[in-house]
N, C-alpha and C. Protein backbone atom coordinates (compact mmCIF):
# COMPACT_ATOMS: atom_id res chain seq x y z
N MET A 1 25.78 2.33 71.76
CA MET A 1 25.18 1.23 72.51
C MET A 1 24.58 0.25 71.52
N LYS A 2 24.97 -1.02 71.64
CA LYS A 2 24.45 -2.05 70.76
C LYS A 2 23.19 -2.64 71.36
N ILE A 3 22.14 -2.71 70.54
CA ILE A 3 20.87 -3.28 71.00
C ILE A 3 20.99 -4.80 71.03
N LYS A 4 20.57 -5.39 72.12
CA LYS A 4 20.62 -6.84 72.25
C LYS A 4 19.56 -7.48 71.36
N SER A 5 19.85 -8.69 70.90
CA SER A 5 18.92 -9.35 69.99
C SER A 5 18.09 -10.43 70.67
N THR A 6 18.33 -10.69 71.94
CA THR A 6 17.55 -11.70 72.66
C THR A 6 16.11 -11.23 72.78
N PRO A 7 15.16 -12.05 72.34
CA PRO A 7 13.75 -11.66 72.49
C PRO A 7 13.43 -11.38 73.96
N PRO A 8 12.68 -10.32 74.23
CA PRO A 8 12.39 -9.96 75.63
C PRO A 8 11.77 -11.10 76.45
N ASP A 9 10.94 -11.93 75.83
CA ASP A 9 10.29 -13.01 76.56
C ASP A 9 11.26 -14.13 76.95
N GLU A 10 12.45 -14.12 76.36
CA GLU A 10 13.45 -15.13 76.70
C GLU A 10 14.41 -14.65 77.80
N LEU A 11 14.30 -13.37 78.15
CA LEU A 11 15.12 -12.82 79.23
C LEU A 11 14.41 -13.04 80.57
N SER A 12 15.20 -13.15 81.62
CA SER A 12 14.58 -13.18 82.94
C SER A 12 14.04 -11.78 83.22
N TYR A 13 13.12 -11.67 84.15
CA TYR A 13 12.57 -10.37 84.51
C TYR A 13 13.69 -9.42 84.94
N ASP A 14 14.59 -9.93 85.77
CA ASP A 14 15.70 -9.10 86.27
C ASP A 14 16.61 -8.63 85.13
N ASP A 15 16.88 -9.50 84.17
CA ASP A 15 17.72 -9.10 83.04
C ASP A 15 17.02 -8.05 82.17
N ALA A 16 15.72 -8.19 82.01
CA ALA A 16 14.96 -7.21 81.23
C ALA A 16 14.99 -5.85 81.92
N ILE A 17 14.83 -5.84 83.23
CA ILE A 17 14.88 -4.58 84.00
C ILE A 17 16.28 -3.97 83.91
N LEU A 18 17.30 -4.79 84.00
CA LEU A 18 18.67 -4.29 83.91
C LEU A 18 18.92 -3.66 82.54
N GLU A 19 18.43 -4.29 81.49
CA GLU A 19 18.59 -3.73 80.15
C GLU A 19 17.82 -2.42 80.01
N LEU A 20 16.62 -2.36 80.59
CA LEU A 20 15.85 -1.11 80.58
C LEU A 20 16.62 0.00 81.29
N GLN A 21 17.23 -0.32 82.41
CA GLN A 21 18.01 0.67 83.16
C GLN A 21 19.19 1.16 82.32
N THR A 22 19.82 0.27 81.59
CA THR A 22 20.94 0.65 80.73
C THR A 22 20.48 1.60 79.62
N ILE A 23 19.34 1.28 79.02
CA ILE A 23 18.79 2.15 77.97
C ILE A 23 18.44 3.51 78.56
N LEU A 24 17.79 3.52 79.71
CA LEU A 24 17.42 4.78 80.35
C LEU A 24 18.64 5.63 80.67
N THR A 25 19.67 5.01 81.18
CA THR A 25 20.90 5.74 81.48
C THR A 25 21.49 6.36 80.22
N SER A 26 21.48 5.60 79.13
CA SER A 26 21.99 6.13 77.86
C SER A 26 21.17 7.31 77.38
N LEU A 27 19.86 7.23 77.57
CA LEU A 27 19.00 8.35 77.18
C LEU A 27 19.26 9.57 78.05
N GLN A 28 19.40 9.36 79.34
CA GLN A 28 19.64 10.47 80.26
C GLN A 28 21.00 11.12 80.06
N ASP A 29 21.99 10.30 79.74
CA ASP A 29 23.35 10.80 79.52
C ASP A 29 23.55 11.36 78.12
N GLU A 30 22.51 11.20 77.31
CA GLU A 30 22.56 11.63 75.91
C GLU A 30 23.75 11.01 75.18
N THR A 31 24.02 9.75 75.49
CA THR A 31 25.13 9.05 74.84
C THR A 31 24.69 8.30 73.59
N LEU A 32 23.39 8.27 73.33
CA LEU A 32 22.88 7.57 72.14
C LEU A 32 22.95 8.48 70.93
N SER A 33 23.40 7.91 69.84
CA SER A 33 23.36 8.67 68.60
C SER A 33 21.93 8.64 68.07
N ILE A 34 21.63 9.56 67.21
CA ILE A 34 20.30 9.60 66.60
C ILE A 34 20.00 8.28 65.89
N ASP A 35 21.04 7.69 65.31
CA ASP A 35 20.86 6.42 64.59
C ASP A 35 20.37 5.30 65.50
N HIS A 36 20.78 5.34 66.75
CA HIS A 36 20.40 4.28 67.69
C HIS A 36 19.22 4.64 68.57
N LEU A 37 18.79 5.88 68.54
CA LEU A 37 17.71 6.33 69.40
C LEU A 37 16.41 5.57 69.15
N THR A 38 16.01 5.47 67.89
CA THR A 38 14.77 4.76 67.55
C THR A 38 14.84 3.30 67.94
N GLU A 39 15.98 2.67 67.67
CA GLU A 39 16.16 1.26 68.04
C GLU A 39 16.03 1.08 69.56
N SER A 40 16.65 1.96 70.30
CA SER A 40 16.63 1.86 71.76
C SER A 40 15.23 2.06 72.32
N ILE A 41 14.51 3.01 71.80
CA ILE A 41 13.15 3.25 72.28
C ILE A 41 12.24 2.07 71.93
N LYS A 42 12.41 1.51 70.75
CA LYS A 42 11.61 0.33 70.36
C LYS A 42 11.93 -0.85 71.29
N ARG A 43 13.21 -1.06 71.55
CA ARG A 43 13.62 -2.16 72.43
C ARG A 43 13.07 -1.94 73.84
N ALA A 44 13.15 -0.72 74.33
CA ALA A 44 12.62 -0.41 75.66
C ALA A 44 11.13 -0.71 75.73
N SER A 45 10.41 -0.36 74.68
CA SER A 45 8.98 -0.62 74.64
C SER A 45 8.69 -2.12 74.69
N GLU A 46 9.46 -2.90 73.96
CA GLU A 46 9.29 -4.36 73.96
C GLU A 46 9.60 -4.94 75.35
N LEU A 47 10.66 -4.43 75.96
CA LEU A 47 11.03 -4.91 77.30
C LEU A 47 9.96 -4.56 78.33
N LEU A 48 9.44 -3.33 78.25
CA LEU A 48 8.37 -2.92 79.18
C LEU A 48 7.13 -3.78 79.01
N GLU A 49 6.77 -4.06 77.78
CA GLU A 49 5.59 -4.89 77.54
C GLU A 49 5.78 -6.28 78.12
N SER A 50 6.95 -6.85 77.93
CA SER A 50 7.25 -8.17 78.47
C SER A 50 7.20 -8.17 79.99
N CYS A 51 7.80 -7.16 80.61
CA CYS A 51 7.79 -7.07 82.08
C CYS A 51 6.37 -6.89 82.61
N ASN A 52 5.60 -6.04 81.96
CA ASN A 52 4.21 -5.83 82.39
C ASN A 52 3.39 -7.10 82.27
N ASN A 53 3.59 -7.85 81.19
CA ASN A 53 2.88 -9.12 81.02
C ASN A 53 3.23 -10.10 82.13
N ARG A 54 4.50 -10.14 82.50
CA ARG A 54 4.93 -11.05 83.58
C ARG A 54 4.33 -10.63 84.92
N LEU A 55 4.30 -9.33 85.16
CA LEU A 55 3.71 -8.84 86.41
C LEU A 55 2.22 -9.16 86.47
N ARG A 56 1.51 -8.96 85.36
CA ARG A 56 0.07 -9.28 85.31
C ARG A 56 -0.15 -10.77 85.55
N SER A 57 0.67 -11.58 84.90
CA SER A 57 0.55 -13.03 85.05
C SER A 57 0.80 -13.45 86.50
N THR A 58 1.80 -12.87 87.12
CA THR A 58 2.12 -13.19 88.52
C THR A 58 0.98 -12.75 89.43
N GLU A 59 0.43 -11.57 89.16
CA GLU A 59 -0.69 -11.08 89.96
C GLU A 59 -1.89 -12.01 89.84
N GLU A 60 -2.17 -12.49 88.65
CA GLU A 60 -3.29 -13.42 88.46
C GLU A 60 -3.06 -14.72 89.22
N GLU A 61 -1.82 -15.21 89.20
CA GLU A 61 -1.51 -16.44 89.93
C GLU A 61 -1.69 -16.25 91.44
N VAL A 62 -1.28 -15.11 91.94
CA VAL A 62 -1.38 -14.83 93.37
C VAL A 62 -2.85 -14.69 93.79
N ASN A 63 -3.66 -14.11 92.92
CA ASN A 63 -5.07 -13.86 93.24
C ASN A 63 -5.98 -15.05 93.02
N LYS A 64 -5.45 -16.16 92.60
CA LYS A 64 -6.28 -17.37 92.37
C LYS A 64 -6.72 -17.97 93.67
């Protein structure tokens, strides 16, 4: 699995979630090589942080 190079903040929320699902599926199917495991986990962490920031921001906007 090739890790995408698009910065997480430049992806739409839906695209970030889709990429997270792809990474999760690869982890569950054990299709990732050890060489790509660290990269995938780091990318997933970046995507999760970006999604959480967007959710927090949306929540703050709604609660104004």
